[in-house]
Protein backbone atom coordinates (compact mmCIF):
# COMPACT_ATOMS: atom_id res chain seq x y z
CA UNK A 1 119.68 77.16 81.75
CA UNK A 2 116.04 78.27 81.90
CA UNK A 3 117.09 81.35 83.85
CA UNK A 4 119.61 82.32 81.18
CA UNK A 5 117.05 81.94 78.39
CA UNK A 6 114.49 84.05 80.24
CA UNK A 7 117.13 86.66 80.98
CA UNK A 8 117.84 87.02 77.29
CA UNK A 9 114.15 87.38 76.50
CA UNK A 10 113.27 89.94 79.14
CA UNK A 11 116.38 92.14 79.05
CA UNK A 12 116.00 94.91 81.61
CA UNK A 13 113.88 92.78 83.92
CA UNK A 14 117.18 91.00 84.55
CA UNK A 15 119.12 94.22 84.17
CA UNK A 16 119.75 97.27 86.25
CA UNK A 17 117.76 96.10 89.31
CA UNK A 18 119.46 92.69 89.48
CA UNK A 19 122.88 92.41 91.18
CA UNK A 20 123.69 89.35 89.01
CA UNK A 21 125.24 87.46 91.91
CA UNK A 22 126.17 83.84 91.45
CA UNK A 23 123.46 81.38 92.41
CA UNK A 24 123.17 81.00 96.16
CA UNK A 25 124.84 84.31 97.00
CA UNK A 26 122.89 87.31 98.24
CA UNK A 27 125.02 90.02 99.92
CA UNK A 28 127.48 92.75 98.98
CA UNK A 29 130.35 93.82 101.23
CA UNK A 30 131.75 97.35 101.02
CA UNK A 31 135.52 97.02 101.44
CA UNK A 32 135.89 100.72 102.11
CA UNK A 33 139.25 102.16 101.02
CA UNK A 34 140.86 98.73 100.54
CA UNK A 35 143.70 98.36 98.06
CA UNK A 36 142.95 96.39 94.90
CA UNK A 37 145.64 93.83 95.70
CA UNK A 38 144.08 93.13 99.10
CA UNK A 39 140.58 92.80 97.62
CA UNK A 40 141.82 90.22 95.11
CA UNK A 41 143.27 88.10 97.90
CA UNK A 42 140.16 88.55 100.05
CA UNK A 43 137.92 87.38 97.19
CA UNK A 44 139.96 84.21 96.73
CA UNK A 45 140.66 83.29 100.33
CA UNK A 46 137.62 84.52 102.25
CA UNK A 47 134.70 86.10 100.40
CA UNK A 48 134.13 83.27 97.92
CA UNK A 49 134.43 80.45 100.50
CA UNK A 50 132.17 82.31 102.93
CA UNK A 51 129.43 82.94 100.37
CA UNK A 52 129.67 86.70 99.74
CA UNK A 53 128.16 87.73 96.42
CA UNK A 54 130.02 90.91 95.61
CA UNK A 55 132.29 93.77 96.70
CA UNK A 56 131.59 97.48 96.52
CA UNK A 57 134.92 99.18 95.90
CA UNK A 58 135.93 102.78 96.53
CA UNK A 59 135.97 105.15 93.53
CA UNK A 60 138.73 103.99 91.15
CA UNK A 61 138.99 107.25 89.20
CA UNK A 62 141.89 109.65 89.61
CA UNK A 63 141.16 112.10 92.42
CA UNK A 64 142.59 115.23 93.90
CA UNK A 65 145.20 114.72 96.65
CA UNK A 66 144.62 116.93 99.68
CA UNK A 67 147.00 117.70 102.54
CA UNK A 68 144.76 119.92 104.71
CA UNK A 69 143.28 117.85 106.17
CA UNK A 70 145.76 115.07 105.45
CA UNK A 71 144.54 112.71 102.71
CA UNK A 72 140.90 112.58 103.92
CA UNK A 73 138.62 109.73 102.87
CA UNK A 74 136.47 112.15 100.89
CA UNK A 75 139.24 113.13 98.49
CA UNK A 76 138.28 109.90 96.66
CA UNK A 77 134.94 111.57 95.88
CA UNK A 78 136.62 114.50 94.10
CA UNK A 79 137.72 113.23 90.68
CA UNK A 80 140.05 115.20 88.42
CA UNK A 81 140.00 112.67 85.57
CA UNK A 82 138.62 109.25 84.68
CA UNK A 83 142.07 107.66 84.66
CA UNK A 84 141.99 104.46 86.71
CA UNK A 85 144.68 105.16 89.27
CA UNK A 86 143.93 105.87 92.91
CA UNK A 87 145.40 105.22 96.31
CA UNK A 88 143.85 101.75 96.04
CA UNK A 89 146.19 100.94 93.15
CA UNK A 90 146.96 101.18 89.45
CA UNK A 91 144.76 100.32 86.47
CA UNK A 92 146.67 97.07 86.06
CA UNK A 93 146.05 96.14 89.71
CA UNK A 94 142.38 97.04 89.32
CA UNK A 95 142.03 94.85 86.25
CA UNK A 96 143.81 91.98 87.99
CA UNK A 97 141.52 92.28 91.01
CA UNK A 98 138.33 92.32 88.90
CA UNK A 99 139.52 89.23 87.01
CA UNK A 100 140.50 87.28 90.10
CA UNK A 101 137.29 88.11 91.98
CA UNK A 102 135.13 87.19 88.99
CA UNK A 103 137.03 83.94 88.58
CA UNK A 104 135.89 82.84 92.05
CA UNK A 105 132.34 84.10 91.61
CA UNK A 106 132.53 87.39 93.52
CA UNK A 107 131.15 90.41 91.64
CA UNK A 108 132.68 93.88 91.69
CA UNK A 109 130.50 97.00 92.01
CA UNK A 110 132.16 100.37 91.44
CA UNK A 111 131.36 103.48 93.47
CA UNK A 112 130.94 105.86 90.51
CA UNK A 113 131.33 109.61 91.07
CA UNK A 114 129.75 111.23 88.01
CA UNK A 115 127.79 114.20 89.41
CA UNK A 116 130.81 116.43 89.80
CA UNK A 117 134.55 116.86 89.66
CA UNK A 118 136.70 118.18 92.52
CA UNK A 119 135.94 121.13 94.77
CA UNK A 120 135.95 124.66 93.35
CA UNK A 121 138.77 125.53 95.74
CA UNK A 122 140.95 122.65 94.60
CA UNK A 123 143.46 124.93 92.91
CA UNK A 124 145.62 123.98 89.95
CA UNK A 125 148.57 121.65 89.51
CA UNK A 126 149.51 117.99 89.59
CA UNK A 127 148.30 117.20 93.13
CA UNK A 128 146.30 114.18 91.97
CA UNK A 129 146.51 110.44 92.46
CA UNK A 130 148.06 109.90 88.99
CA UNK A 131 149.96 113.17 88.84
CA UNK A 132 147.68 114.52 86.10
CA UNK A 133 147.43 118.30 85.69
CA UNK A 134 144.10 120.04 86.37
CA UNK A 135 142.89 123.51 87.32
CA UNK A 136 139.73 123.70 89.39
CA UNK A 137 139.66 127.50 89.28
CA UNK A 138 139.43 127.60 85.47
CA UNK A 139 137.49 124.29 85.36
CA UNK A 140 140.14 122.76 83.15
CA UNK A 141 140.46 118.98 83.35
CA UNK A 142 142.49 118.16 80.24
CA UNK A 143 142.80 114.44 80.86
CA UNK A 144 139.04 113.91 80.29
CA UNK A 145 138.90 116.55 78.75
CA UNK A 146 136.38 118.85 80.48
CA UNK A 147 136.42 122.64 80.25
CA UNK A 148 134.32 125.45 81.74
CA UNK A 149 131.69 124.71 79.05
CA UNK A 150 130.95 121.35 80.70
CA UNK A 151 129.69 122.59 84.06
CA UNK A 152 126.35 123.87 85.35
CA UNK A 153 127.39 127.39 86.34
CA UNK A 154 124.90 128.96 83.95
CA UNK A 155 121.97 126.84 85.16
CA UNK A 156 122.44 127.47 88.88
CA UNK A 157 120.58 130.58 90.03
CA UNK A 158 121.92 130.96 93.58
CA UNK A 159 124.22 133.83 94.47
CA UNK A 160 127.16 131.63 95.48
CA UNK A 161 126.65 128.80 92.97
CA UNK A 162 125.86 126.30 95.71
CA UNK A 163 122.73 124.64 97.10
CA UNK A 164 121.01 126.99 99.54
CA UNK A 165 117.55 125.39 99.73
CA UNK A 166 116.96 121.62 99.59
CA UNK A 167 113.27 122.27 98.92
CA UNK A 168 114.19 123.72 95.53
CA UNK A 169 114.75 120.80 93.14
CA UNK A 170 116.54 123.03 90.62
CA UNK A 171 119.12 124.07 93.19
CA UNK A 172 119.63 120.50 94.37
CA UNK A 173 120.24 119.25 90.84
CA UNK A 174 121.83 122.23 89.09
CA UNK A 175 123.99 123.83 91.78
CA UNK A 176 127.20 122.78 93.48
CA UNK A 177 126.99 120.22 96.27
CA UNK A 178 129.35 121.50 99.01
CA UNK A 179 131.29 123.50 96.37
CA UNK A 180 131.97 120.48 94.13
CA UNK A 181 132.11 121.48 90.47
CA UNK A 182 128.75 120.34 89.08
CA UNK A 183 128.88 118.60 85.70
CA UNK A 184 126.37 119.59 83.00
CA UNK A 185 125.00 116.10 82.53
CA UNK A 186 122.31 117.41 80.21
CA UNK A 187 125.01 117.93 77.56
CA UNK A 188 125.58 115.10 75.12
CA UNK A 189 129.34 115.47 75.31
CA UNK A 190 129.41 115.16 79.11
CA UNK A 191 127.08 112.16 78.99
CA UNK A 192 129.39 110.55 76.49
CA UNK A 193 132.48 111.03 78.63
CA UNK A 194 130.77 109.65 81.72
CA UNK A 195 129.48 106.64 79.79
CA UNK A 196 132.95 106.09 78.31
CA UNK A 197 134.39 105.87 81.83
CA UNK A 198 131.71 103.45 83.04
CA UNK A 199 131.93 101.33 79.88
CA UNK A 200 135.67 100.87 80.32
CA UNK A 201 134.95 99.41 83.75
CA UNK A 202 132.14 97.22 82.39
CA UNK A 203 134.45 95.85 79.71
CA UNK A 204 137.01 95.07 82.43
CA UNK A 205 134.38 92.89 84.10
CA UNK A 206 132.57 94.89 86.78
CA UNK A 207 128.96 93.85 87.48
CA UNK A 208 127.51 97.25 88.28
CA UNK A 209 127.72 100.61 89.98
CA UNK A 210 126.76 102.43 93.13
CA UNK A 211 126.02 105.88 91.67
CA UNK A 212 127.14 108.54 94.12
CA UNK A 213 125.00 111.67 94.70
CA UNK A 214 122.22 110.48 92.36
CA UNK A 215 119.76 112.80 94.09
CA UNK A 216 121.76 115.70 92.66
CA UNK A 217 121.29 114.54 89.05
CA UNK A 218 118.12 114.69 86.99
CA UNK A 219 116.65 111.20 86.41
CA UNK A 220 116.40 111.97 82.69
CA UNK A 221 120.12 112.73 82.52
CA UNK A 222 120.98 109.54 84.37
CA UNK A 223 118.71 107.55 82.06
CA UNK A 224 120.55 108.99 79.05
CA UNK A 225 123.88 107.86 80.52
CA UNK A 226 122.62 104.39 81.49
CA UNK A 227 121.20 103.88 78.00
CA UNK A 228 124.74 104.18 76.64
CA UNK A 229 126.20 101.53 78.90
CA UNK A 230 127.46 98.27 77.47
CA UNK A 231 126.11 94.89 78.47
CA UNK A 232 128.17 92.99 81.02
CA UNK A 233 131.20 91.03 79.85
CA UNK A 234 130.19 87.61 78.53
CA UNK A 235 133.43 86.22 79.94
CA UNK A 236 131.70 86.05 83.31
CA UNK A 237 128.03 86.96 82.74
CA UNK A 238 125.26 85.71 80.42
CA UNK A 239 124.78 87.54 77.14
CA UNK A 240 122.49 90.56 77.22
CA UNK A 241 122.80 91.39 80.94
CA UNK A 242 122.84 95.10 81.85
CA UNK A 243 124.96 96.36 84.76
CA UNK A 244 123.38 96.49 88.21
CA UNK A 245 122.66 100.09 89.21
CA UNK A 246 122.02 101.24 92.77
CA UNK A 247 121.69 104.95 93.32
CA UNK A 248 122.48 107.06 96.36
CA UNK A 249 119.29 109.00 97.04
CA UNK A 250 118.80 110.20 100.61
CA UNK A 251 115.03 110.42 101.02
CA UNK A 252 114.00 110.62 104.66
CA UNK A 253 110.69 112.27 103.75
CA UNK A 254 109.86 115.96 103.84
CA UNK A 255 111.71 116.98 100.66
CA UNK A 256 110.43 117.43 97.14
CA UNK A 257 112.91 114.99 95.58
CA UNK A 258 111.77 111.43 96.22
CA UNK A 259 113.55 108.12 95.83
CA UNK A 260 110.67 106.83 93.71
CA UNK A 261 111.77 109.13 90.87
CA UNK A 262 114.76 106.82 90.41
CA UNK A 263 113.02 103.42 90.69
CA UNK A 264 112.77 102.97 86.92
CA UNK A 265 116.53 103.37 86.53
CA UNK A 266 117.77 100.86 89.10
CA UNK A 267 117.69 100.18 92.81
CA UNK A 268 118.02 102.93 95.41
CA UNK A 269 119.76 103.08 98.78
CA UNK A 270 117.08 103.05 101.53
CA UNK A 271 118.50 105.35 104.20
CA UNK A 272 115.35 105.18 106.32
CA UNK A 273 116.15 101.51 106.93
CA UNK A 274 119.48 102.32 108.58
CA UNK A 275 118.06 105.12 110.73
CA UNK A 276 114.96 103.24 111.86
CA UNK A 277 116.81 99.99 112.60
CA UNK A 278 119.26 101.87 114.80
CA UNK A 279 116.42 103.61 116.62
CA UNK A 280 114.64 100.29 117.29
CA UNK A 281 117.72 98.36 118.43
CA UNK A 282 118.79 101.25 120.69
CA UNK A 283 115.21 101.30 122.08
CA UNK A 284 114.94 105.04 121.45
CA UNK A 285 111.66 106.89 120.89
CA UNK A 286 109.76 104.05 122.64
CA UNK A 287 110.51 101.68 119.77
CA UNK A 288 110.50 97.92 120.38
CA UNK A 289 111.62 94.86 118.44
CA UNK A 290 108.07 93.52 118.56
CA UNK A 291 107.04 96.31 116.16
CA UNK A 292 109.23 94.74 113.47
CA UNK A 293 106.58 92.20 112.52
CA UNK A 294 105.69 94.58 109.67
CA UNK A 295 109.34 95.54 108.94
CA UNK A 296 109.94 96.64 105.36
CA UNK A 297 107.20 98.24 103.31
CA UNK A 298 105.05 98.24 106.46
CA UNK A 299 107.39 100.89 107.84
CA UNK A 300 106.88 103.10 104.77
CA UNK A 301 110.11 101.93 103.16
CA UNK A 302 110.39 101.65 99.38
CA UNK A 303 109.39 98.35 97.71
CA UNK A 304 111.78 95.53 98.56
CA UNK A 305 112.64 94.93 94.90
CA UNK A 306 113.87 98.54 94.59
CA UNK A 307 115.94 98.72 97.79
CA UNK A 308 119.57 98.30 98.79
CA UNK A 309 119.78 98.23 102.60
CA UNK A 310 122.48 98.51 105.22
CA UNK A 311 122.94 98.99 108.95
CA UNK A 312 125.50 101.73 108.29
CA UNK A 313 127.53 103.09 105.40
CA UNK A 314 130.76 105.03 105.04
CA UNK A 315 128.92 108.36 105.35
CA UNK A 316 126.46 107.87 108.17
CA UNK A 317 128.90 105.96 110.38
CA UNK A 318 130.70 109.33 110.55
CA UNK A 319 127.56 111.37 111.18
CA UNK A 320 127.28 112.45 107.54
CA UNK A 321 124.32 111.77 105.27
CA UNK A 322 121.23 110.63 107.17
CA UNK A 323 120.30 108.89 110.39
CA UNK A 324 122.27 110.89 112.93
CA UNK A 325 123.19 109.36 116.27
CA UNK A 326 120.69 106.51 115.82
CA UNK A 327 122.92 104.79 113.26
CA UNK A 328 124.66 101.72 114.66
CA UNK A 329 128.32 101.13 113.80
CA UNK A 330 131.22 98.90 114.80
CA UNK A 331 131.83 101.28 117.72
CA UNK A 332 128.63 99.77 119.23
CA UNK A 333 129.68 96.19 118.51
CA UNK A 334 127.16 94.30 120.66
CA UNK A 335 124.09 96.10 119.27
CA UNK A 336 125.63 96.30 115.81
CA UNK A 337 125.95 92.53 115.47
CA UNK A 338 122.33 92.14 116.58
CA UNK A 339 121.16 94.65 113.96
CA UNK A 340 123.25 92.93 111.29
CA UNK A 341 121.72 89.59 112.24
CA UNK A 342 118.24 91.00 111.90
CA UNK A 343 118.97 92.61 108.51
CA UNK A 344 120.54 89.49 107.06
CA UNK A 345 117.76 87.21 108.33
CA UNK A 346 114.92 89.39 107.02
CA UNK A 347 113.96 89.09 103.32
CA UNK A 348 113.70 92.83 102.60
CA UNK A 349 116.01 94.35 99.98
CA UNK A 350 119.51 93.60 98.70
CA UNK A 351 121.81 93.66 101.72
CA UNK A 352 125.17 95.42 101.92
CA UNK A 353 127.63 94.74 104.75
CA UNK A 354 130.05 97.47 105.82
CA UNK A 355 133.77 96.80 106.32
CA UNK A 356 135.48 99.75 107.97
CA UNK A 357 138.67 101.07 109.48
CA UNK A 358 139.15 102.75 112.85
CA UNK A 359 140.10 106.36 113.28
CA UNK A 360 140.87 108.54 116.29
CA UNK A 361 137.52 110.07 117.14
CA UNK A 362 137.56 113.43 118.89
CA UNK A 363 134.25 114.98 119.84
CA UNK A 364 133.57 118.65 120.44
CA UNK A 365 129.98 119.79 121.00
CA UNK A 366 128.71 116.43 119.83
CA UNK A 367 130.64 116.44 116.52
CA UNK A 368 133.59 114.23 115.68
CA UNK A 369 136.32 116.63 114.65
CA UNK A 370 138.27 113.74 113.05
CA UNK A 371 135.46 112.38 110.86
CA UNK A 372 137.60 113.25 107.81
CA UNK A 373 140.39 110.78 108.56
CA UNK A 374 141.45 108.48 105.74
CA UNK A 375 142.39 104.80 105.90
CA UNK A 376 145.38 103.37 107.78
CA UNK A 377 148.32 104.89 105.91
CA UNK A 378 152.05 105.45 105.86
CA UNK A 379 153.61 108.85 106.37
CA UNK A 380 153.49 109.61 102.64
CA UNK A 381 149.73 109.01 102.52
CA UNK A 382 149.86 105.61 100.81
CA UNK A 383 147.32 103.11 102.11
CA UNK A 384 148.50 100.24 104.28
CA UNK A 385 147.80 96.61 103.43
CA UNK A 386 145.12 94.74 105.39
CA UNK A 387 146.90 92.21 107.66
CA UNK A 388 144.97 89.10 108.72
CA UNK A 389 145.46 87.94 112.32
CA UNK A 390 145.74 84.25 113.30
CA UNK A 391 142.13 84.37 114.56
CA UNK A 392 141.04 85.58 111.04
CA UNK A 393 140.22 89.13 112.20
CA UNK A 394 142.10 92.11 110.73
CA UNK A 395 144.84 94.26 112.23
CA UNK A 396 146.56 97.61 111.83
CA UNK A 397 143.38 99.66 112.21
CA UNK A 398 141.21 97.70 109.78
CA UNK A 399 137.94 96.61 111.44
CA UNK A 400 136.72 94.05 108.90
CA UNK A 401 133.21 93.60 110.32
CA UNK A 402 132.53 91.16 107.49
CA UNK A 403 135.02 88.78 109.12
CA UNK A 404 133.28 88.83 112.50
CA UNK A 405 131.88 85.33 113.05
CA UNK A 406 128.36 86.53 113.77
CA UNK A 407 128.17 88.61 110.58
CA UNK A 408 129.84 86.26 108.10
CA UNK A 409 127.72 83.37 109.38
CA UNK A 410 124.55 85.45 108.93
CA UNK A 411 125.64 86.19 105.35
CA UNK A 412 125.61 82.43 104.83
CA UNK A 413 122.25 82.20 106.65
CA UNK A 414 120.76 84.62 104.12
CA UNK A 415 122.12 82.50 101.29
CA UNK A 416 120.60 79.32 102.74
CA UNK A 417 117.12 80.84 103.26
CA UNK A 418 117.02 82.84 100.02
CA UNK A 419 113.58 82.77 98.43
CA UNK A 420 111.85 81.45 101.54
CA UNK A 421 108.91 83.38 103.05
CA UNK A 422 108.96 85.35 106.29
CA UNK A 423 107.29 82.96 108.75
CA UNK A 424 106.63 81.74 112.32
CA UNK A 425 106.79 85.18 113.93
CA UNK A 426 106.87 85.32 117.73
CA UNK A 427 107.33 88.21 120.15
CA UNK A 428 106.83 88.86 123.86
CA UNK A 429 105.21 92.24 123.30
CA UNK A 430 108.50 93.92 124.03
CA UNK A 431 112.08 93.33 122.81
CA UNK A 432 112.21 89.58 122.39
CA UNK A 433 111.38 88.25 118.93
CA UNK A 434 111.82 85.21 116.75
CA UNK A 435 111.02 84.52 113.11
CA UNK A 436 111.76 82.01 110.42
CA UNK A 437 112.36 81.81 106.71
CA UNK A 438 110.10 79.01 105.57
CA UNK A 439 111.50 75.65 106.64
CA UNK A 440 115.16 76.60 106.18
CA UNK A 441 116.15 79.01 108.96
CA UNK A 442 115.14 80.62 112.26
CA UNK A 443 116.50 83.50 114.36
CA UNK A 444 115.72 84.55 117.95
CA UNK A 445 116.76 87.91 119.43
CA UNK A 446 116.66 89.08 123.06
CA UNK A 447 117.07 92.83 123.45
CA UNK A 448 115.31 93.00 126.79
CA UNK A 449 117.05 93.48 130.13
CA UNK A 450 116.03 90.02 131.30
CA UNK A 451 116.51 86.46 130.11
CA UNK A 452 114.62 84.85 127.25
CA UNK A 453 113.25 81.34 127.94
CA UNK A 454 110.80 80.17 125.29
CA UNK A 455 109.82 77.08 123.32
CA UNK A 456 109.14 78.22 119.76
CA UNK A 457 108.02 76.73 116.46
CA UNK A 458 110.99 77.04 114.13
CA UNK A 459 109.43 75.34 111.12
CA UNK A 460 112.66 73.37 110.70
CA UNK A 461 113.04 69.61 110.29
CA UNK A 462 113.79 67.71 113.48
CA UNK A 463 117.40 67.23 114.56
CA UNK A 464 120.32 68.82 116.39
CA UNK A 465 121.48 72.21 115.10
CA UNK A 466 124.57 74.33 115.65
CA UNK A 467 123.93 77.96 116.62
CA UNK A 468 125.95 79.94 114.07
CA UNK A 469 126.15 83.03 116.30
CA UNK A 470 127.94 81.52 119.31
CA UNK A 471 130.08 79.22 117.17
CA UNK A 472 130.67 77.39 113.91
CA UNK A 473 129.58 74.06 112.54
CA UNK A 474 132.66 71.94 111.92
CA UNK A 475 133.10 68.49 110.44
CA UNK A 476 133.38 67.02 113.92
CA UNK A 477 130.67 69.05 115.67
CA UNK A 478 129.79 72.56 116.83
CA UNK A 479 131.94 75.14 118.64
CA UNK A 480 128.87 76.98 119.95
CA UNK A 481 125.49 76.19 121.41
CA UNK A 482 123.62 73.12 120.19
CA UNK A 483 119.82 73.14 119.90
CA UNK A 484 117.48 70.16 119.59
CA UNK A 485 114.51 70.65 117.25
CA UNK A 486 111.79 68.02 117.72
CA UNK A 487 109.82 66.40 114.92
CA UNK A 488 107.17 69.15 115.17
CA UNK A 489 109.74 71.87 114.62
CA UNK A 490 109.72 73.01 118.26
CA UNK A 491 112.83 73.90 120.22
CA UNK A 492 113.62 75.64 123.49
CA UNK A 493 115.66 78.84 123.39
CA UNK A 494 117.52 80.40 126.30
CA UNK A 495 119.33 83.71 125.82
CA UNK A 496 120.65 85.44 128.92
CA UNK A 497 120.52 89.21 128.97
CA UNK A 498 124.16 89.12 130.11
CA UNK A 499 125.43 87.25 127.05
CA UNK A 500 127.76 88.99 124.60
CA UNK A 501 125.60 87.91 121.67
CA UNK A 502 121.95 88.14 122.58
CA UNK A 503 120.68 86.24 119.56
CA UNK A 504 120.68 82.72 118.16
CA UNK A 505 120.36 81.60 114.52
CA UNK A 506 120.07 78.15 113.01
CA UNK A 507 119.50 76.94 109.47
CA UNK A 508 119.26 73.64 107.62
CA UNK A 509 122.94 73.66 106.69
CA UNK A 510 123.90 74.07 110.38
CA UNK A 511 122.20 70.78 111.23
CA UNK A 512 124.64 68.35 112.81
């Protein structure tokens, strides 16, 4: 009750930087390209019981439908209206999903595409996810409605209307990003239409937004839109709460536009985190796990209370965005699980877990020629359901990393240790490390090419603990390794370099 009173008093301090997750929940999962009906079931049967705090959903707005290439994932990022029908489902299915997820304490965060409409070469017709007419050539989007007056053509000074120089902030923010029709967000009318779209979603019960391509919008324009947003629905959230905002700003250093320009508006995606973590875990550029003692701000990342972090996202797992080949993905499962364990154990930032689908990769000259491929689909382009196998993994091309035992158990680890300090650091000067979170959890990682054999101070109460990486704690025992912590908090760890999972994690709720 005290928290709710303070929230009402301090407004924005509990607003756009706060994900508003239910007490004891700390992580978002991105169910990339999932259907609304499948997300609703996943919230009720898996995400809520396993302690996930929220779901990032794919853009729900009506988009262009492309056939060359065939229904690519990125057609979802080319809206033609703000109607709520997409290949994930209808408006009614979206509303049902939001309601059902909220009812079990799992928040919904919308991937909002508000910088632009579809590509300039999108043509004209009814080739859209709702069948709505539009004409990209004449910039006519009657269902919003937007006309040629509502785009930035007059502000952009490049010869082709696109961004030619990323060191020119006016080009980056006023010109077309890869030929996408750039909305004139400085105009009151355009701001109003964008806010109207976002407010409809807020009133339906969403908890916040990932704002796509924020780097390509002026912070002042975004602020004007955010100022128009409603408070969250009091059906599921306390009165006076503003939606959580996290903005896609790729700032790897070396450009004039900096992530810090957006800190006052909400959190920001920290792409350096993904790239650097991949580099360290891969042991590239002479990096070692032992250097992670100062992980976070000590690595020149943004302040923890401004950051949303991830091992990979839907862009950089395909080589788009930032991070390049260093980025770890489900294709590198052994290292990926280790990186996920480290991210979820460390206190830095709000963590987002990726949940992907497979596609047929085909590399030529180091580039995946099939990086455009959309989700598992039928011949007509409609998205397939996500089938759950008897072992709780997913089938039919859906990867579902969030259902991997090691990852979902580390999501729970983060919940258990939330608010506890980073503590009891140990390293061997190379690629074996251990650290705790106060007196509630401890993780040990061996990324060397030899065995780890160490007795370490965990800071945990004495007793027998179940390792949540090699198995699960059950009512009648542990399916994985068991570790004995003595009354001084000491325990012996052995991790063979040959083991599939070269890390161990225990926490107070895994005590037998």
